Amino acid sequence: MKKLSGSILAAVVLALSAGTGWSAEVKIAVVDMARLVRSHADTAPADAMLEKQMNDFQDEQKEVEADYDKVKKAFDDARKEATDKALSEEAREEKMQVAEKKLIAVREFERKSRETLSARQKQITEDSLRLRKRIVGKIKEAIQDYAAKKGYTLVIDTAAQSVSGVEVILYSSDKIDITEDMLKIASKGKGSDAKASEKAPEAKE
């Protein structure tokens, strides 16, 4: 939801109404943007794509954890062999060198794993923001076009909240609510932004 300053919104409304015949000059409408976004034709496909990405990410995490366990076990085994008193000092020294190499491998694996998983998580977040921004952009264009045709001076989002988390619009008449009209327009759209063919680039190690 948007977070707006109630005082700023009030100032905008007052500026528009000041010195004019309110009913004659200023025509205001309200709309529930949160509801429009949820109902938009592109939202469900976008959510499905993001859910698949998240599931794939979780599978990647499990694979990384399994690989890490193998690398860590190799180090633990090498370290244990290096402390075997049954071996000669020279043999233990050789085993210790092997263990040190395994430890370096463990640390390198940890570093690469963190970078890879962090990159994948960042990618998913960016994809989510990009898709949502595109959907909101389409809705805004539709609202602007509708408002221009209907002669509205101002369209306010009833889902918007102030910085304190309180709804900016405490009351509005159903007569000026254009949400239902916008839902009809949005329902005519096609879910084209989250096609299966639109794959995000894989994160590089």
C-alpha atoms as a PDB file:
ATOM      1  CA  MET A   1       0.000   0.000   0.000  1.00  0.00           C
ATOM      2  CA  LYS A   2       1.075   3.554  -0.594  1.00  0.00           C
ATOM      3  CA  LYS A   3       2.044   5.651   2.388  1.00  0.00           C
ATOM      4  CA  LEU A   4       1.134   9.284   2.010  1.00  0.00           C
ATOM      5  CA  SER A   5       1.118  12.244   4.320  1.00  0.00           C
ATOM      6  CA  GLY A   6      -2.442  13.156   5.261  1.00  0.00           C
ATOM      7  CA  SER A   7      -1.463  16.803   5.557  1.00  0.00           C
ATOM      8  CA  ILE A   8      -0.014  16.810   2.039  1.00  0.00           C
ATOM      9  CA  LEU A   9      -3.155  15.205   0.660  1.00  0.00           C
ATOM     10  CA  ALA A  10      -5.322  17.739   2.466  1.00  0.00           C
ATOM     11  CA  ALA A  11      -3.208  20.567   1.072  1.00  0.00           C
ATOM     12  CA  VAL A  12      -3.670  19.250  -2.454  1.00  0.00           C
ATOM     13  CA  VAL A  13      -7.430  19.049  -2.065  1.00  0.00           C
ATOM     14  CA  LEU A  14      -7.621  22.512  -0.528  1.00  0.00           C
ATOM     15  CA  ALA A  15      -5.482  23.969  -3.291  1.00  0.00           C
ATOM     16  CA  LEU A  16      -7.762  22.499  -5.908  1.00  0.00           C
ATOM     17  CA  SER A  17     -10.913  23.710  -4.203  1.00  0.00           C
ATOM     18  CA  ALA A  18      -9.722  27.125  -3.040  1.00  0.00           C
ATOM     19  CA  GLY A  19     -11.360  29.989  -4.856  1.00  0.00           C
ATOM     20  CA  THR A  20     -13.475  27.725  -7.054  1.00  0.00           C
ATOM     21  CA  GLY A  21     -16.985  26.451  -7.060  1.00  0.00           C
ATOM     22  CA  TRP A  22     -16.247  23.043  -5.591  1.00  0.00           C
ATOM     23  CA  SER A  23     -19.000  21.045  -7.246  1.00  0.00           C
ATOM     24  CA  ALA A  24     -18.623  22.875 -10.531  1.00  0.00           C
ATOM     25  CA  GLU A  25     -14.853  22.923 -10.874  1.00  0.00           C
ATOM     26  CA  VAL A  26     -13.490  19.969  -8.912  1.00  0.00           C
ATOM     27  CA  LYS A  27     -14.642  16.424  -9.582  1.00  0.00           C
ATOM     28  CA  ILE A  28     -13.072  13.865  -7.261  1.00  0.00           C
ATOM     29  CA  ALA A  29     -13.151  10.075  -7.391  1.00  0.00           C
ATOM     30  CA  VAL A  30     -11.708   7.383  -5.145  1.00  0.00           C
ATOM     31  CA  VAL A  31     -10.398   3.955  -6.042  1.00  0.00           C
ATOM     32  CA  ASP A  32      -9.055   0.962  -4.113  1.00  0.00           C
ATOM     33  CA  MET A  33      -5.674   0.311  -5.727  1.00  0.00           C
ATOM     34  CA  ALA A  34      -4.926  -2.710  -3.547  1.00  0.00           C
ATOM     35  CA  ARG A  35      -8.084  -4.411  -4.785  1.00  0.00           C
ATOM     36  CA  LEU A  36      -7.312  -3.507  -8.393  1.00  0.00           C
ATOM     37  CA  VAL A  37      -3.806  -4.959  -8.150  1.00  0.00           C
ATOM     38  CA  ARG A  38      -5.115  -8.211  -6.620  1.00  0.00           C
ATOM     39  CA  SER A  39      -7.769  -8.515  -9.323  1.00  0.00           C
ATOM     40  CA  HIS A  40      -5.643  -7.537 -12.313  1.00  0.00           C
ATOM     41  CA  ALA A  41      -5.296 -10.192 -15.018  1.00  0.00           C
ATOM     42  CA  ASP A  42      -1.486 -10.121 -14.780  1.00  0.00           C
ATOM     43  CA  THR A  43      -1.301 -10.574 -10.997  1.00  0.00           C
ATOM     44  CA  ALA A  44      -2.090 -14.298 -10.766  1.00  0.00           C
ATOM     45  CA  PRO A  45       0.458 -15.312 -13.465  1.00  0.00           C
ATOM     46  CA  ALA A  46       3.061 -13.045 -11.860  1.00  0.00           C
ATOM     47  CA  ASP A  47       2.434 -14.543  -8.417  1.00  0.00           C
ATOM     48  CA  ALA A  48       2.642 -18.065  -9.873  1.00  0.00           C
ATOM     49  CA  MET A  49       5.973 -17.295 -11.532  1.00  0.00           C
ATOM     50  CA  LEU A  50       7.386 -15.781  -8.343  1.00  0.00           C
ATOM     51  CA  GLU A  51       6.165 -18.745  -6.308  1.00  0.00           C
ATOM     52  CA  LYS A  52       7.935 -21.113  -8.698  1.00  0.00           C
ATOM     53  CA  GLN A  53      11.121 -19.057  -8.402  1.00  0.00           C
ATOM     54  CA  MET A  54      10.879 -19.217  -4.615  1.00  0.00           C
ATOM     55  CA  ASN A  55      10.331 -22.993  -4.686  1.00  0.00           C
ATOM     56  CA  ASP A  56      13.321 -23.402  -7.014  1.00  0.00           C
ATOM     57  CA  PHE A  57      15.355 -21.204  -4.658  1.00  0.00           C
ATOM     58  CA  GLN A  58      14.440 -23.396  -1.700  1.00  0.00           C
ATOM     59  CA  ASP A  59      15.480 -26.488  -3.683  1.00  0.00           C
ATOM     60  CA  GLU A  60      18.800 -24.785  -4.471  1.00  0.00           C
ATOM     61  CA  GLN A  61      19.316 -24.089  -0.783  1.00  0.00           C
ATOM     62  CA  LYS A  62      18.773 -27.757   0.043  1.00  0.00           C
ATOM     63  CA  GLU A  63      21.261 -28.817  -2.650  1.00  0.00           C
ATOM     64  CA  VAL A  64      23.825 -26.338  -1.355  1.00  0.00           C
ATOM     65  CA  GLU A  65      23.358 -27.605   2.196  1.00  0.00           C
ATOM     66  CA  ALA A  66      23.786 -31.206   1.034  1.00  0.00           C
ATOM     67  CA  ASP A  67      26.963 -30.342  -0.901  1.00  0.00           C
ATOM     68  CA  TYR A  68      28.280 -28.398   2.071  1.00  0.00           C
ATOM     69  CA  ASP A  69      27.759 -31.407   4.339  1.00  0.00           C
ATOM     70  CA  LYS A  70      29.883 -33.498   1.956  1.00  0.00           C
ATOM     71  CA  VAL A  71      32.699 -30.932   1.854  1.00  0.00           C
ATOM     72  CA  LYS A  72      32.580 -30.496   5.632  1.00  0.00           C
ATOM     73  CA  LYS A  73      32.644 -34.262   6.204  1.00  0.00           C
ATOM     74  CA  ALA A  74      35.707 -34.580   3.959  1.00  0.00           C
ATOM     75  CA  PHE A  75      37.457 -31.981   6.132  1.00  0.00           C
ATOM     76  CA  ASP A  76      36.388 -33.643   9.385  1.00  0.00           C
ATOM     77  CA  ASP A  77      37.637 -37.029   8.163  1.00  0.00           C
ATOM     78  CA  ALA A  78      40.964 -35.544   7.048  1.00  0.00           C
ATOM     79  CA  ARG A  79      41.415 -33.770  10.378  1.00  0.00           C
ATOM     80  CA  LYS A  80      40.634 -36.952  12.274  1.00  0.00           C
ATOM     81  CA  GLU A  81      43.216 -38.887  10.245  1.00  0.00           C
ATOM     82  CA  ALA A  82      45.778 -36.165  10.919  1.00  0.00           C
ATOM     83  CA  THR A  83      45.475 -36.778  14.666  1.00  0.00           C
ATOM     84  CA  ASP A  84      45.736 -40.555  14.429  1.00  0.00           C
ATOM     85  CA  LYS A  85      48.605 -41.439  16.801  1.00  0.00           C
ATOM     86  CA  ALA A  86      49.017 -44.796  15.100  1.00  0.00           C
ATOM     87  CA  LEU A  87      50.539 -42.986  12.127  1.00  0.00           C
ATOM     88  CA  SER A  88      54.080 -41.784  11.935  1.00  0.00           C
ATOM     89  CA  GLU A  89      54.875 -38.129  12.448  1.00  0.00           C
ATOM     90  CA  GLU A  90      55.541 -37.752   8.721  1.00  0.00           C
ATOM     91  CA  ALA A  91      52.264 -39.433   7.810  1.00  0.00           C
ATOM     92  CA  ARG A  92      50.349 -37.221  10.262  1.00  0.00           C
ATOM     93  CA  GLU A  93      52.018 -34.155   8.771  1.00  0.00           C
ATOM     94  CA  GLU A  94      50.879 -35.193   5.299  1.00  0.00           C
ATOM     95  CA  LYS A  95      47.363 -35.793   6.599  1.00  0.00           C
ATOM     96  CA  MET A  96      47.424 -32.384   8.281  1.00  0.00           C
ATOM     97  CA  GLN A  97      48.310 -30.701   4.986  1.00  0.00           C
ATOM     98  CA  VAL A  98      45.421 -32.536   3.347  1.00  0.00           C
ATOM     99  CA  ALA A  99      43.107 -31.357   6.151  1.00  0.00           C
ATOM    100  CA  GLU A 100      44.253 -27.768   5.700  1.00  0.00           C
ATOM    101  CA  LYS A 101      43.456 -27.960   2.000  1.00  0.00           C
ATOM    102  CA  LYS A 102      40.027 -29.379   2.846  1.00  0.00           C
ATOM    103  CA  LEU A 103      39.470 -26.502   5.278  1.00  0.00           C
ATOM    104  CA  ILE A 104      40.311 -23.989   2.544  1.00  0.00           C
ATOM    105  CA  ALA A 105      37.833 -25.802   0.291  1.00  0.00           C
ATOM    106  CA  VAL A 106      35.151 -25.590   2.991  1.00  0.00           C
ATOM    107  CA  ARG A 107      35.644 -21.848   3.444  1.00  0.00           C
ATOM    108  CA  GLU A 108      35.662 -21.241  -0.308  1.00  0.00           C
ATOM    109  CA  PHE A 109      32.485 -23.287  -0.672  1.00  0.00           C
ATOM    110  CA  GLU A 110      30.828 -21.240   2.077  1.00  0.00           C
ATOM    111  CA  ARG A 111      31.792 -17.991   0.348  1.00  0.00           C
ATOM    112  CA  LYS A 112      30.522 -19.042  -3.066  1.00  0.00           C
ATOM    113  CA  SER A 113      27.337 -20.455  -1.565  1.00  0.00           C
ATOM    114  CA  ARG A 114      26.557 -17.209   0.237  1.00  0.00           C
ATOM    115  CA  GLU A 115      27.172 -15.183  -2.908  1.00  0.00           C
ATOM    116  CA  THR A 116      25.088 -17.485  -5.103  1.00  0.00           C
ATOM    117  CA  LEU A 117      22.116 -17.695  -2.744  1.00  0.00           C
ATOM    118  CA  SER A 118      22.251 -13.954  -2.036  1.00  0.00           C
ATOM    119  CA  ALA A 119      22.242 -13.214  -5.777  1.00  0.00           C
ATOM    120  CA  ARG A 120      19.269 -15.528  -6.339  1.00  0.00           C
ATOM    121  CA  GLN A 121      17.325 -13.956  -3.478  1.00  0.00           C
ATOM    122  CA  LYS A 122      18.072 -10.473  -4.801  1.00  0.00           C
ATOM    123  CA  GLN A 123      16.945 -11.545  -8.265  1.00  0.00           C
ATOM    124  CA  ILE A 124      13.610 -12.818  -6.939  1.00  0.00           C
ATOM    125  CA  THR A 125      13.045  -9.562  -5.041  1.00  0.00           C
ATOM    126  CA  GLU A 126      13.850  -7.475  -8.123  1.00  0.00           C
ATOM    127  CA  ASP A 127      11.549  -9.616 -10.294  1.00  0.00           C
ATOM    128  CA  SER A 128       8.733  -9.151  -7.769  1.00  0.00           C
ATOM    129  CA  LEU A 129       9.163  -5.379  -7.712  1.00  0.00           C
ATOM    130  CA  ARG A 130       9.453  -5.186 -11.506  1.00  0.00           C
ATOM    131  CA  LEU A 131       6.295  -7.205 -12.137  1.00  0.00           C
ATOM    132  CA  ARG A 132       4.286  -5.354  -9.493  1.00  0.00           C
ATOM    133  CA  LYS A 133       5.470  -1.986 -10.805  1.00  0.00           C
ATOM    134  CA  ARG A 134       4.410  -2.956 -14.311  1.00  0.00           C
ATOM    135  CA  ILE A 135       0.958  -4.034 -13.132  1.00  0.00           C
ATOM    136  CA  VAL A 136       0.497  -0.842 -11.111  1.00  0.00           C
ATOM    137  CA  GLY A 137       1.645   1.153 -14.140  1.00  0.00           C
ATOM    138  CA  LYS A 138      -1.012  -0.443 -16.336  1.00  0.00           C
ATOM    139  CA  ILE A 139      -3.691   0.258 -13.742  1.00  0.00           C
ATOM    140  CA  LYS A 140      -2.596   3.884 -13.371  1.00  0.00           C
ATOM    141  CA  GLU A 141      -2.741   4.363 -17.133  1.00  0.00           C
ATOM    142  CA  ALA A 142      -6.258   2.925 -17.192  1.00  0.00           C
ATOM    143  CA  ILE A 143      -7.335   5.187 -14.320  1.00  0.00           C
ATOM    144  CA  GLN A 144      -5.827   8.264 -15.971  1.00  0.00           C
ATOM    145  CA  ASP A 145      -7.589   7.483 -19.238  1.00  0.00           C
ATOM    146  CA  TYR A 146     -10.891   6.838 -17.450  1.00  0.00           C
ATOM    147  CA  ALA A 147     -10.565   9.999 -15.348  1.00  0.00           C
ATOM    148  CA  ALA A 148      -9.830  12.123 -18.419  1.00  0.00           C
ATOM    149  CA  LYS A 149     -12.899  10.774 -20.222  1.00  0.00           C
ATOM    150  CA  LYS A 150     -15.152  11.242 -17.206  1.00  0.00           C
ATOM    151  CA  GLY A 151     -13.801  14.684 -16.354  1.00  0.00           C
ATOM    152  CA  TYR A 152     -12.352  13.865 -12.935  1.00  0.00           C
ATOM    153  CA  THR A 153      -9.937  16.424 -11.511  1.00  0.00           C
ATOM    154  CA  LEU A 154      -8.494  14.132  -8.822  1.00  0.00           C
ATOM    155  CA  VAL A 155      -8.510  10.383  -8.167  1.00  0.00           C
ATOM    156  CA  ILE A 156      -7.480   9.263  -4.662  1.00  0.00           C
ATOM    157  CA  ASP A 157      -6.384   5.791  -3.557  1.00  0.00           C
ATOM    158  CA  THR A 158      -8.506   4.637  -0.596  1.00  0.00           C
ATOM    159  CA  ALA A 159      -5.957   1.904   0.175  1.00  0.00           C
ATOM    160  CA  ALA A 160      -3.245   4.505   0.841  1.00  0.00           C
ATOM    161  CA  GLN A 161      -1.916   4.874   4.369  1.00  0.00           C
ATOM    162  CA  SER A 162      -0.193   7.722   6.151  1.00  0.00           C
ATOM    163  CA  VAL A 163       3.314   7.398   7.571  1.00  0.00           C
ATOM    164  CA  SER A 164       1.692   6.478  10.895  1.00  0.00           C
ATOM    165  CA  GLY A 165      -0.081   3.516   9.282  1.00  0.00           C
ATOM    166  CA  VAL A 166      -3.547   5.075   9.428  1.00  0.00           C
ATOM    167  CA  GLU A 167      -5.770   5.184   6.357  1.00  0.00           C
ATOM    168  CA  VAL A 168      -5.504   8.553   4.609  1.00  0.00           C
ATOM    169  CA  ILE A 169      -9.146   8.425   3.485  1.00  0.00           C
ATOM    170  CA  LEU A 170     -11.310   7.934   6.561  1.00  0.00           C
ATOM    171  CA  TYR A 171     -14.568   8.229   4.646  1.00  0.00           C
ATOM    172  CA  SER A 172     -15.726   8.509   1.067  1.00  0.00           C
ATOM    173  CA  SER A 173     -19.123   8.135  -0.523  1.00  0.00           C
ATOM    174  CA  ASP A 174     -19.811   5.106  -2.682  1.00  0.00           C
ATOM    175  CA  LYS A 175     -21.076   7.546  -5.293  1.00  0.00           C
ATOM    176  CA  ILE A 176     -17.533   8.694  -6.096  1.00  0.00           C
ATOM    177  CA  ASP A 177     -15.925   5.231  -5.872  1.00  0.00           C
ATOM    178  CA  ILE A 178     -14.827   4.098  -9.359  1.00  0.00           C
ATOM    179  CA  THR A 179     -13.262   0.803  -8.221  1.00  0.00           C
ATOM    180  CA  GLU A 180     -15.983  -1.359  -9.750  1.00  0.00           C
ATOM    181  CA  ASP A 181     -15.693   0.436 -13.084  1.00  0.00           C
ATOM    182  CA  MET A 182     -11.913  -0.002 -13.043  1.00  0.00           C
ATOM    183  CA  LEU A 183     -12.277  -3.700 -12.148  1.00  0.00           C
ATOM    184  CA  LYS A 184     -14.344  -4.210 -15.284  1.00  0.00           C
ATOM    185  CA  ILE A 185     -11.648  -2.520 -17.350  1.00  0.00           C
ATOM    186  CA  ALA A 186      -8.831  -4.462 -15.648  1.00  0.00           C
ATOM    187  CA  SER A 187     -10.617  -7.784 -16.169  1.00  0.00           C
ATOM    188  CA  LYS A 188     -10.323  -7.274 -19.911  1.00  0.00           C
ATOM    189  CA  GLY A 189      -6.523  -7.349 -19.717  1.00  0.00           C
ATOM    190  CA  LYS A 190      -4.441 -10.405 -20.402  1.00  0.00           C
ATOM    191  CA  GLY A 191      -1.827 -11.952 -18.148  1.00  0.00           C
ATOM    192  CA  SER A 192       1.054 -11.265 -20.469  1.00  0.00           C
ATOM    193  CA  ASP A 193       3.746 -10.074 -18.067  1.00  0.00           C
ATOM    194  CA  ALA A 194       4.504 -13.376 -16.408  1.00  0.00           C
ATOM    195  CA  LYS A 195       4.697 -15.808 -19.290  1.00  0.00           C
ATOM    196  CA  ALA A 196       6.508 -19.044 -18.693  1.00  0.00           C
ATOM    197  CA  SER A 197       8.920 -18.039 -21.405  1.00  0.00           C
ATOM    198  CA  GLU A 198       9.950 -14.935 -19.495  1.00  0.00           C
ATOM    199  CA  LYS A 199      12.783 -16.323 -17.428  1.00  0.00           C
ATOM    200  CA  ALA A 200      14.948 -14.230 -15.183  1.00  0.00           C
ATOM    201  CA  PRO A 201      18.698 -14.521 -15.870  1.00  0.00           C
ATOM    202  CA  GLU A 202      20.363 -17.099 -13.684  1.00  0.00           C
ATOM    203  CA  ALA A 203      22.621 -15.760 -10.975  1.00  0.00           C
ATOM    204  CA  LYS A 204      26.305 -16.193 -11.628  1.00  0.00           C
ATOM    205  CA  GLU A 205      28.580 -17.648  -9.029  1.00  0.00           C
END
